[in-house]
Amino acid sequence: MIVEERLQATLKQLGLVRISEILHLHAEQASKHNISYVEFLDNLLQEEMIAKHDRYIQTKTRMAHLPFHKTLADFDFTFQPSIDEKRIRDLATLRFVAHQENLIFLGPPGVGKSHLSVALALEAIAQRYTVYFITAHDLVQTLQQAHQSNSVQQKMKAFIKPDLLVIDEIGY
């Protein structure tokens, strides 16, 4: 029992939270199914990698301040036939982010600009780009407050820092 307690403490100290949670179950399965030590270790490490990636996505999504969770898979291109699906799928490769190019979605309310913006932002997070979402109104208010407190330079750095800055509702 002392070895297991020391192992649990070591796993937590190393930040291997998921392995700490599943170690006992996987050890039992490895014993039952005659799994090799290397395969056992590989299974644990794969689970840890998946868990770390999931935590990364959750954290970065929260930090991006996205107003909702919408993906390209959720978008109904048949509802909005004027939107070129092939072009949107090409944008989802995020070459425009890698090349530091701007992208503007124009159109009347209700056509899916925000949905597509959020979907591309989520894809960017999945590809390990940093993202920040803000409405034009909130951006202006934030900069006005920064101007009043003589912190515009500092605030501008916060908006320049992300790989992808999404400014929504520009026409409102």
N, C-alpha and C. Protein backbone atom coordinates (compact mmCIF):
# COMPACT_ATOMS: atom_id res chain seq x y z
N MET A 1 0.82 -1.20 0.00
CA MET A 1 0.00 0.00 0.00
C MET A 1 0.86 1.27 0.00
N ILE A 2 2.00 1.23 0.66
CA ILE A 2 2.86 2.40 0.74
C ILE A 2 3.41 2.79 -0.63
N VAL A 3 3.69 1.81 -1.48
CA VAL A 3 4.18 2.08 -2.83
C VAL A 3 3.09 2.78 -3.64
N GLU A 4 1.86 2.32 -3.52
CA GLU A 4 0.76 2.93 -4.25
C GLU A 4 0.53 4.37 -3.80
N GLU A 5 0.62 4.62 -2.51
CA GLU A 5 0.46 5.99 -1.99
C GLU A 5 1.58 6.89 -2.50
N ARG A 6 2.81 6.39 -2.49
CA ARG A 6 3.95 7.17 -2.99
C ARG A 6 3.78 7.44 -4.49
N LEU A 7 3.33 6.44 -5.22
CA LEU A 7 3.11 6.59 -6.65
C LEU A 7 2.04 7.65 -6.92
N GLN A 8 0.94 7.60 -6.18
CA GLN A 8 -0.13 8.60 -6.34
C GLN A 8 0.40 10.01 -6.05
N ALA A 9 1.19 10.15 -5.00
CA ALA A 9 1.76 11.46 -4.65
C ALA A 9 2.70 11.95 -5.75
N THR A 10 3.50 11.04 -6.29
CA THR A 10 4.43 11.40 -7.36
C THR A 10 3.68 11.82 -8.62
N LEU A 11 2.65 11.07 -8.98
CA LEU A 11 1.85 11.41 -10.16
C LEU A 11 1.23 12.79 -10.02
N LYS A 12 0.70 13.09 -8.85
CA LYS A 12 0.09 14.41 -8.62
C LYS A 12 1.15 15.50 -8.66
N GLN A 13 2.32 15.23 -8.09
CA GLN A 13 3.40 16.21 -8.09
C GLN A 13 3.87 16.49 -9.52
N LEU A 14 3.87 15.48 -10.36
CA LEU A 14 4.26 15.65 -11.77
C LEU A 14 3.14 16.22 -12.62
N GLY A 15 1.96 16.39 -12.04
CA GLY A 15 0.83 16.93 -12.79
C GLY A 15 0.17 15.91 -13.69
N LEU A 16 0.34 14.65 -13.41
CA LEU A 16 -0.25 13.58 -14.21
C LEU A 16 -1.58 13.17 -13.57
N VAL A 17 -2.51 14.10 -13.59
CA VAL A 17 -3.79 13.96 -12.89
C VAL A 17 -4.60 12.78 -13.42
N ARG A 18 -4.70 12.69 -14.72
CA ARG A 18 -5.52 11.62 -15.31
C ARG A 18 -4.95 10.24 -14.99
N ILE A 19 -3.64 10.08 -15.09
CA ILE A 19 -3.03 8.79 -14.77
C ILE A 19 -3.32 8.44 -13.32
N SER A 20 -3.23 9.43 -12.45
CA SER A 20 -3.53 9.21 -11.04
C SER A 20 -4.95 8.67 -10.85
N GLU A 21 -5.89 9.18 -11.66
CA GLU A 21 -7.29 8.76 -11.56
C GLU A 21 -7.53 7.34 -12.09
N ILE A 22 -6.80 6.95 -13.12
CA ILE A 22 -7.10 5.69 -13.82
C ILE A 22 -6.09 4.58 -13.57
N LEU A 23 -5.05 4.86 -12.83
CA LEU A 23 -3.96 3.89 -12.64
C LEU A 23 -4.46 2.54 -12.13
N HIS A 24 -5.22 2.55 -11.08
CA HIS A 24 -5.66 1.30 -10.46
C HIS A 24 -6.48 0.46 -11.45
N LEU A 25 -7.43 1.09 -12.13
CA LEU A 25 -8.27 0.38 -13.10
C LEU A 25 -7.43 -0.21 -14.23
N HIS A 26 -6.52 0.58 -14.77
CA HIS A 26 -5.68 0.09 -15.87
C HIS A 26 -4.72 -1.01 -15.41
N ALA A 27 -4.24 -0.91 -14.19
CA ALA A 27 -3.36 -1.96 -13.65
C ALA A 27 -4.11 -3.28 -13.54
N GLU A 28 -5.36 -3.21 -13.08
CA GLU A 28 -6.18 -4.43 -12.99
C GLU A 28 -6.41 -5.03 -14.37
N GLN A 29 -6.75 -4.18 -15.34
CA GLN A 29 -7.00 -4.65 -16.71
C GLN A 29 -5.73 -5.24 -17.33
N ALA A 30 -4.61 -4.61 -17.08
CA ALA A 30 -3.34 -5.10 -17.62
C ALA A 30 -3.02 -6.48 -17.06
N SER A 31 -3.29 -6.65 -15.79
CA SER A 31 -3.05 -7.94 -15.14
C SER A 31 -3.98 -9.01 -15.70
N LYS A 32 -5.26 -8.66 -15.83
CA LYS A 32 -6.27 -9.60 -16.34
C LYS A 32 -6.00 -10.04 -17.77
N HIS A 33 -5.62 -9.08 -18.60
CA HIS A 33 -5.49 -9.34 -20.04
C HIS A 33 -4.04 -9.53 -20.48
N ASN A 34 -3.16 -9.71 -19.52
CA ASN A 34 -1.76 -9.99 -19.82
C ASN A 34 -1.14 -8.93 -20.75
N ILE A 35 -1.40 -7.68 -20.45
CA ILE A 35 -0.87 -6.56 -21.24
C ILE A 35 0.58 -6.30 -20.81
N SER A 36 1.45 -6.08 -21.79
CA SER A 36 2.87 -5.84 -21.48
C SER A 36 3.04 -4.53 -20.73
N TYR A 37 4.19 -4.39 -20.05
CA TYR A 37 4.48 -3.17 -19.31
C TYR A 37 4.50 -1.95 -20.24
N VAL A 38 5.09 -2.13 -21.39
CA VAL A 38 5.20 -1.03 -22.34
C VAL A 38 3.81 -0.60 -22.83
N GLU A 39 2.97 -1.57 -23.17
CA GLU A 39 1.62 -1.24 -23.63
C GLU A 39 0.81 -0.59 -22.50
N PHE A 40 0.98 -1.09 -21.28
CA PHE A 40 0.31 -0.53 -20.11
C PHE A 40 0.71 0.94 -19.94
N LEU A 41 2.00 1.21 -20.00
CA LEU A 41 2.49 2.58 -19.87
C LEU A 41 1.99 3.45 -21.02
N ASP A 42 2.02 2.91 -22.22
CA ASP A 42 1.52 3.65 -23.39
C ASP A 42 0.05 4.01 -23.21
N ASN A 43 -0.76 3.08 -22.75
CA ASN A 43 -2.19 3.35 -22.53
C ASN A 43 -2.39 4.48 -21.53
N LEU A 44 -1.63 4.44 -20.44
CA LEU A 44 -1.74 5.50 -19.43
C LEU A 44 -1.34 6.85 -20.00
N LEU A 45 -0.23 6.88 -20.73
CA LEU A 45 0.25 8.14 -21.28
C LEU A 45 -0.69 8.70 -22.35
N GLN A 46 -1.29 7.82 -23.15
CA GLN A 46 -2.26 8.28 -24.14
C GLN A 46 -3.47 8.92 -23.47
N GLU A 47 -3.95 8.30 -22.42
CA GLU A 47 -5.08 8.85 -21.66
C GLU A 47 -4.71 10.22 -21.08
N GLU A 48 -3.50 10.33 -20.56
CA GLU A 48 -3.04 11.60 -19.98
C GLU A 48 -2.97 12.68 -21.05
N MET A 49 -2.44 12.33 -22.22
CA MET A 49 -2.35 13.30 -23.32
C MET A 49 -3.73 13.79 -23.75
N ILE A 50 -4.67 12.89 -23.86
CA ILE A 50 -6.04 13.26 -24.24
C ILE A 50 -6.64 14.19 -23.19
N ALA A 51 -6.46 13.85 -21.92
CA ALA A 51 -7.00 14.68 -20.84
C ALA A 51 -6.36 16.07 -20.82
N LYS A 52 -5.05 16.13 -21.03
CA LYS A 52 -4.36 17.43 -21.06
C LYS A 52 -4.84 18.27 -22.24
N HIS A 53 -5.04 17.64 -23.38
CA HIS A 53 -5.54 18.36 -24.55
C HIS A 53 -6.95 18.89 -24.28
N ASP A 54 -7.79 18.07 -23.69
CA ASP A 54 -9.16 18.51 -23.36
C ASP A 54 -9.14 19.68 -22.39
N ARG A 55 -8.28 19.62 -21.37
CA ARG A 55 -8.18 20.73 -20.41
C ARG A 55 -7.66 21.99 -21.10
N TYR A 56 -6.71 21.82 -22.01
CA TYR A 56 -6.18 22.96 -22.77
C TYR A 56 -7.30 23.64 -23.56
N ILE A 57 -8.08 22.84 -24.27
CA ILE A 57 -9.18 23.39 -25.08
C ILE A 57 -10.19 24.11 -24.19
N GLN A 58 -10.56 23.50 -23.08
CA GLN A 58 -11.52 24.13 -22.17
C GLN A 58 -10.98 25.45 -21.63
N THR A 59 -9.74 25.46 -21.21
CA THR A 59 -9.15 26.68 -20.65
C THR A 59 -9.06 27.78 -21.70
N LYS A 60 -8.54 27.45 -22.86
CA LYS A 60 -8.37 28.45 -23.92
C LYS A 60 -9.71 28.95 -24.44
N THR A 61 -10.71 28.08 -24.47
CA THR A 61 -12.05 28.50 -24.89
C THR A 61 -12.62 29.48 -23.87
N ARG A 62 -12.45 29.19 -22.61
CA ARG A 62 -12.93 30.09 -21.55
C ARG A 62 -12.20 31.44 -21.64
N MET A 63 -10.89 31.41 -21.85
CA MET A 63 -10.11 32.64 -21.93
C MET A 63 -10.44 33.47 -23.17
N ALA A 64 -10.96 32.83 -24.19
CA ALA A 64 -11.31 33.53 -25.43
C ALA A 64 -12.59 34.35 -25.30
N HIS A 65 -13.38 34.08 -24.28
CA HIS A 65 -14.64 34.80 -24.03
C HIS A 65 -15.66 34.62 -25.16
N LEU A 66 -15.70 33.45 -25.73
CA LEU A 66 -16.68 33.19 -26.78
C LEU A 66 -18.09 33.22 -26.18
N PRO A 67 -19.04 33.83 -26.90
CA PRO A 67 -20.40 33.98 -26.34
C PRO A 67 -21.21 32.69 -26.35
N PHE A 68 -20.82 31.75 -27.18
CA PHE A 68 -21.52 30.47 -27.29
C PHE A 68 -20.60 29.49 -27.97
N HIS A 69 -21.02 28.24 -28.03
CA HIS A 69 -20.20 27.18 -28.64
C HIS A 69 -20.91 26.71 -29.90
N LYS A 70 -20.41 27.14 -31.05
CA LYS A 70 -20.96 26.73 -32.34
C LYS A 70 -19.80 26.30 -33.24
N THR A 71 -19.99 25.21 -33.94
CA THR A 71 -18.95 24.70 -34.83
C THR A 71 -19.42 24.78 -36.28
N LEU A 72 -18.52 24.53 -37.20
CA LEU A 72 -18.91 24.48 -38.61
C LEU A 72 -19.87 23.33 -38.86
N ALA A 73 -19.71 22.25 -38.12
CA ALA A 73 -20.62 21.10 -38.27
C ALA A 73 -22.04 21.49 -37.88
N ASP A 74 -22.18 22.47 -36.99
CA ASP A 74 -23.51 22.93 -36.57
C ASP A 74 -24.15 23.88 -37.58
N PHE A 75 -23.36 24.42 -38.50
CA PHE A 75 -23.88 25.45 -39.41
C PHE A 75 -24.68 24.83 -40.55
N ASP A 76 -25.86 25.35 -40.78
CA ASP A 76 -26.74 24.85 -41.84
C ASP A 76 -26.54 25.68 -43.11
N PHE A 77 -25.70 25.18 -43.99
CA PHE A 77 -25.41 25.90 -45.23
C PHE A 77 -26.62 25.94 -46.15
N THR A 78 -27.55 25.01 -46.01
CA THR A 78 -28.76 25.02 -46.85
C THR A 78 -29.68 26.16 -46.44
N PHE A 79 -29.64 26.56 -45.18
CA PHE A 79 -30.45 27.68 -44.69
C PHE A 79 -29.93 29.00 -45.26
N GLN A 80 -28.64 29.05 -45.53
CA GLN A 80 -28.00 30.27 -46.02
C GLN A 80 -27.24 29.97 -47.31
N PRO A 81 -27.97 29.73 -48.42
CA PRO A 81 -27.32 29.31 -49.67
C PRO A 81 -26.37 30.36 -50.26
N SER A 82 -26.48 31.61 -49.83
CA SER A 82 -25.59 32.64 -50.36
C SER A 82 -24.17 32.51 -49.79
N ILE A 83 -24.01 31.70 -48.75
CA ILE A 83 -22.68 31.49 -48.17
C ILE A 83 -22.01 30.32 -48.88
N ASP A 84 -20.81 30.56 -49.38
CA ASP A 84 -20.05 29.56 -50.12
C ASP A 84 -19.41 28.57 -49.14
N GLU A 85 -19.98 27.38 -49.05
CA GLU A 85 -19.49 26.38 -48.09
C GLU A 85 -18.02 26.03 -48.34
N LYS A 86 -17.66 25.91 -49.60
CA LYS A 86 -16.27 25.57 -49.93
C LYS A 86 -15.32 26.65 -49.42
N ARG A 87 -15.71 27.89 -49.58
CA ARG A 87 -14.87 29.02 -49.12
C ARG A 87 -14.74 29.00 -47.59
N ILE A 88 -15.83 28.73 -46.90
CA ILE A 88 -15.80 28.68 -45.44
C ILE A 88 -14.91 27.52 -44.98
N ARG A 89 -15.03 26.38 -45.63
CA ARG A 89 -14.19 25.23 -45.26
C ARG A 89 -12.71 25.54 -45.51
N ASP A 90 -12.45 26.31 -46.56
CA ASP A 90 -11.08 26.75 -46.83
C ASP A 90 -10.60 27.69 -45.72
N LEU A 91 -11.47 28.59 -45.26
CA LEU A 91 -11.11 29.48 -44.16
C LEU A 91 -10.82 28.69 -42.88
N ALA A 92 -11.48 27.55 -42.72
CA ALA A 92 -11.28 26.72 -41.53
C ALA A 92 -9.89 26.10 -41.47
N THR A 93 -9.14 26.16 -42.57
CA THR A 93 -7.74 25.72 -42.53
C THR A 93 -6.89 26.72 -41.76
N LEU A 94 -7.43 27.92 -41.59
CA LEU A 94 -6.80 29.00 -40.82
C LEU A 94 -5.52 29.53 -41.44
N ARG A 95 -5.39 29.40 -42.74
CA ARG A 95 -4.22 29.98 -43.41
C ARG A 95 -4.19 31.49 -43.18
N PHE A 96 -5.38 32.11 -43.13
CA PHE A 96 -5.43 33.56 -42.94
C PHE A 96 -4.84 33.95 -41.57
N VAL A 97 -4.96 33.08 -40.58
CA VAL A 97 -4.37 33.35 -39.26
C VAL A 97 -2.85 33.18 -39.36
N ALA A 98 -2.42 32.10 -39.97
CA ALA A 98 -0.98 31.84 -40.11
C ALA A 98 -0.29 32.96 -40.88
N HIS A 99 -1.00 33.54 -41.86
CA HIS A 99 -0.42 34.61 -42.68
C HIS A 99 -0.73 36.00 -42.11
N GLN A 100 -1.35 36.04 -40.93
CA GLN A 100 -1.71 37.29 -40.26
C GLN A 100 -2.55 38.20 -41.15
N GLU A 101 -3.53 37.60 -41.81
CA GLU A 101 -4.44 38.34 -42.67
C GLU A 101 -5.74 38.62 -41.93
N ASN A 102 -6.42 39.68 -42.35
CA ASN A 102 -7.71 40.02 -41.76
C ASN A 102 -8.83 39.32 -42.52
N LEU A 103 -9.93 39.11 -41.82
CA LEU A 103 -11.11 38.48 -42.41
C LEU A 103 -12.32 39.24 -41.89
N ILE A 104 -13.20 39.62 -42.80
CA ILE A 104 -14.42 40.33 -42.40
C ILE A 104 -15.61 39.61 -42.99
N PHE A 105 -16.58 39.28 -42.12
CA PHE A 105 -17.86 38.74 -42.57
C PHE A 105 -18.84 39.90 -42.62
N LEU A 106 -19.40 40.15 -43.79
CA LEU A 106 -20.39 41.22 -43.96
C LEU A 106 -21.73 40.62 -44.32
N GLY A 107 -22.79 41.25 -43.86
CA GLY A 107 -24.13 40.79 -44.20
C GLY A 107 -25.14 41.28 -43.19
N PRO A 108 -26.41 41.12 -43.53
CA PRO A 108 -27.47 41.56 -42.62
C PRO A 108 -27.53 40.68 -41.38
N PRO A 109 -28.24 41.11 -40.36
CA PRO A 109 -28.39 40.30 -39.14
C PRO A 109 -29.03 38.95 -39.44
N GLY A 110 -28.59 37.93 -38.72
CA GLY A 110 -29.23 36.63 -38.80
C GLY A 110 -28.75 35.69 -39.89
N VAL A 111 -27.67 36.04 -40.57
CA VAL A 111 -27.19 35.16 -41.65
C VAL A 111 -26.11 34.18 -41.20
N GLY A 112 -25.60 34.37 -39.97
CA GLY A 112 -24.63 33.41 -39.46
C GLY A 112 -23.22 33.93 -39.30
N LYS A 113 -23.04 35.23 -39.35
CA LYS A 113 -21.68 35.79 -39.22
C LYS A 113 -21.06 35.44 -37.87
N SER A 114 -21.83 35.61 -36.81
CA SER A 114 -21.30 35.30 -35.47
C SER A 114 -21.04 33.81 -35.32
N HIS A 115 -21.97 33.00 -35.82
CA HIS A 115 -21.80 31.54 -35.76
C HIS A 115 -20.49 31.14 -36.45
N LEU A 116 -20.28 31.64 -37.65
CA LEU A 116 -19.07 31.28 -38.40
C LEU A 116 -17.81 31.81 -37.71
N SER A 117 -17.89 33.01 -37.16
CA SER A 117 -16.75 33.58 -36.44
C SER A 117 -16.36 32.72 -35.25
N VAL A 118 -17.36 32.32 -34.47
CA VAL A 118 -17.11 31.47 -33.30
C VAL A 118 -16.58 30.11 -33.73
N ALA A 119 -17.14 29.56 -34.80
CA ALA A 119 -16.69 28.25 -35.29
C ALA A 119 -15.21 28.31 -35.71
N LEU A 120 -14.83 29.38 -36.39
CA LEU A 120 -13.42 29.53 -36.78
C LEU A 120 -12.54 29.76 -35.56
N ALA A 121 -13.06 30.48 -34.58
CA ALA A 121 -12.31 30.70 -33.34
C ALA A 121 -12.07 29.38 -32.62
N LEU A 122 -13.08 28.54 -32.54
CA LEU A 122 -12.93 27.23 -31.90
C LEU A 122 -11.93 26.36 -32.65
N GLU A 123 -11.97 26.43 -33.96
CA GLU A 123 -10.99 25.67 -34.76
C GLU A 123 -9.58 26.20 -34.51
N ALA A 124 -9.45 27.51 -34.38
CA ALA A 124 -8.14 28.10 -34.09
C ALA A 124 -7.62 27.63 -32.73
N ILE A 125 -8.49 27.58 -31.74
CA ILE A 125 -8.09 27.09 -30.42
C ILE A 125 -7.64 25.64 -30.51
N ALA A 126 -8.39 24.83 -31.26
CA ALA A 126 -8.03 23.42 -31.43
C ALA A 126 -6.66 23.27 -32.10
N GLN A 127 -6.32 24.23 -32.95
CA GLN A 127 -5.01 24.20 -33.62
C GLN A 127 -3.94 24.98 -32.84
N ARG A 128 -4.25 25.28 -31.59
CA ARG A 128 -3.33 25.91 -30.64
C ARG A 128 -2.98 27.36 -30.95
N TYR A 129 -3.90 28.07 -31.58
CA TYR A 129 -3.78 29.51 -31.72
C TYR A 129 -4.45 30.16 -30.52
N THR A 130 -3.98 31.34 -30.13
CA THR A 130 -4.66 32.07 -29.07
C THR A 130 -5.75 32.93 -29.70
N VAL A 131 -6.88 33.02 -29.00
CA VAL A 131 -8.07 33.68 -29.54
C VAL A 131 -8.67 34.60 -28.48
N TYR A 132 -9.19 35.74 -28.92
CA TYR A 132 -9.97 36.60 -28.04
C TYR A 132 -11.17 37.12 -28.81
N PHE A 133 -12.33 37.03 -28.19
CA PHE A 133 -13.59 37.46 -28.80
C PHE A 133 -14.13 38.64 -28.01
N ILE A 134 -14.56 39.68 -28.73
CA ILE A 134 -15.16 40.84 -28.10
C ILE A 134 -16.12 41.49 -29.08
N THR A 135 -17.18 42.10 -28.57
CA THR A 135 -18.08 42.84 -29.46
C THR A 135 -17.46 44.22 -29.71
N ALA A 136 -17.84 44.83 -30.81
CA ALA A 136 -17.32 46.16 -31.14
C ALA A 136 -17.69 47.15 -30.03
N HIS A 137 -18.90 47.05 -29.53
CA HIS A 137 -19.35 47.94 -28.45
C HIS A 137 -18.47 47.80 -27.22
N ASP A 138 -18.21 46.56 -26.80
CA ASP A 138 -17.36 46.33 -25.63
C ASP A 138 -15.92 46.78 -25.88
N LEU A 139 -15.45 46.61 -27.10
CA LEU A 139 -14.10 47.05 -27.45
C LEU A 139 -13.99 48.57 -27.28
N VAL A 140 -14.96 49.29 -27.82
CA VAL A 140 -14.95 50.76 -27.72
C VAL A 140 -15.03 51.19 -26.25
N GLN A 141 -15.93 50.57 -25.50
CA GLN A 141 -16.05 50.91 -24.07
C GLN A 141 -14.75 50.64 -23.32
N THR A 142 -14.15 49.51 -23.59
CA THR A 142 -12.90 49.15 -22.93
C THR A 142 -11.80 50.15 -23.25
N LEU A 143 -11.72 50.56 -24.51
CA LEU A 143 -10.69 51.52 -24.90
C LEU A 143 -10.98 52.91 -24.34
N GLN A 144 -12.26 53.28 -24.24
CA GLN A 144 -12.60 54.56 -23.61
C GLN A 144 -12.19 54.57 -22.14
N GLN A 145 -12.48 53.48 -21.45
CA GLN A 145 -12.08 53.38 -20.04
C GLN A 145 -10.56 53.40 -19.90
N ALA A 146 -9.89 52.73 -20.81
CA ALA A 146 -8.42 52.72 -20.78
C ALA A 146 -7.87 54.11 -21.03
N HIS A 147 -8.52 54.85 -21.93
CA HIS A 147 -8.10 56.23 -22.21
C HIS A 147 -8.23 57.10 -20.96
N GLN A 148 -9.34 56.93 -20.25
CA GLN A 148 -9.57 57.71 -19.03
C GLN A 148 -8.57 57.38 -17.93
N SER A 149 -8.10 56.15 -17.92
CA SER A 149 -7.14 55.74 -16.88
C SER A 149 -5.69 55.72 -17.40
N ASN A 150 -5.48 56.33 -18.56
CA ASN A 150 -4.15 56.39 -19.18
C ASN A 150 -3.50 55.02 -19.33
N SER A 151 -4.28 54.04 -19.74
CA SER A 151 -3.74 52.69 -19.92
C SER A 151 -4.06 52.12 -21.31
N VAL A 152 -4.19 53.02 -22.29
CA VAL A 152 -4.54 52.58 -23.65
C VAL A 152 -3.46 51.67 -24.23
N GLN A 153 -2.20 52.04 -24.05
CA GLN A 153 -1.11 51.22 -24.58
C GLN A 153 -1.17 49.80 -24.04
N GLN A 154 -1.36 49.70 -22.74
CA GLN A 154 -1.42 48.39 -22.09
C GLN A 154 -2.63 47.59 -22.60
N LYS A 155 -3.76 48.24 -22.74
CA LYS A 155 -4.97 47.56 -23.19
C LYS A 155 -4.82 47.14 -24.66
N MET A 156 -4.21 47.99 -25.47
CA MET A 156 -4.00 47.65 -26.88
C MET A 156 -3.12 46.41 -27.01
N LYS A 157 -2.13 46.27 -26.14
CA LYS A 157 -1.27 45.09 -26.17
C LYS A 157 -2.09 43.82 -25.94
N ALA A 158 -3.09 43.92 -25.07
CA ALA A 158 -3.94 42.76 -24.78
C ALA A 158 -4.75 42.37 -26.02
N PHE A 159 -5.11 43.35 -26.85
CA PHE A 159 -5.88 43.05 -28.05
C PHE A 159 -4.99 42.62 -29.22
N ILE A 160 -3.75 43.02 -29.17
CA ILE A 160 -2.81 42.66 -30.24
C ILE A 160 -2.19 41.28 -29.99
N LYS A 161 -2.12 40.88 -28.74
CA LYS A 161 -1.45 39.64 -28.35
C LYS A 161 -2.04 38.36 -28.96
N PRO A 162 -3.36 38.18 -29.00
CA PRO A 162 -3.89 36.91 -29.54
C PRO A 162 -3.56 36.72 -31.02
N ASP A 163 -3.46 35.47 -31.42
CA ASP A 163 -3.25 35.17 -32.84
C ASP A 163 -4.49 35.55 -33.66
N LEU A 164 -5.66 35.41 -33.03
CA LEU A 164 -6.92 35.71 -33.71
C LEU A 164 -7.78 36.57 -32.79
N LEU A 165 -8.08 37.78 -33.23
CA LEU A 165 -8.98 38.67 -32.51
C LEU A 165 -10.28 38.74 -33.29
N VAL A 166 -11.38 38.33 -32.65
CA VAL A 166 -12.69 38.35 -33.29
C VAL A 166 -13.45 39.53 -32.72
N ILE A 167 -13.82 40.48 -33.59
CA ILE A 167 -14.63 41.62 -33.18
C ILE A 167 -15.99 41.45 -33.84
N ASP A 168 -17.00 41.25 -33.01
CA ASP A 168 -18.34 40.93 -33.51
C ASP A 168 -19.26 42.15 -33.39
N GLU A 169 -20.34 42.10 -34.13
CA GLU A 169 -21.40 43.11 -34.10
C GLU A 169 -20.86 44.50 -34.41
N ILE A 170 -20.09 44.61 -35.47
CA ILE A 170 -19.49 45.89 -35.84
C ILE A 170 -20.55 46.88 -36.29
N GLY A 171 -21.61 46.41 -36.90
CA GLY A 171 -22.64 47.31 -37.42
C GLY A 171 -23.61 47.83 -36.39
N TYR A 172 -23.50 47.38 -35.14
CA TYR A 172 -24.48 47.81 -34.13
C TYR A 172 -23.98 48.97 -33.33
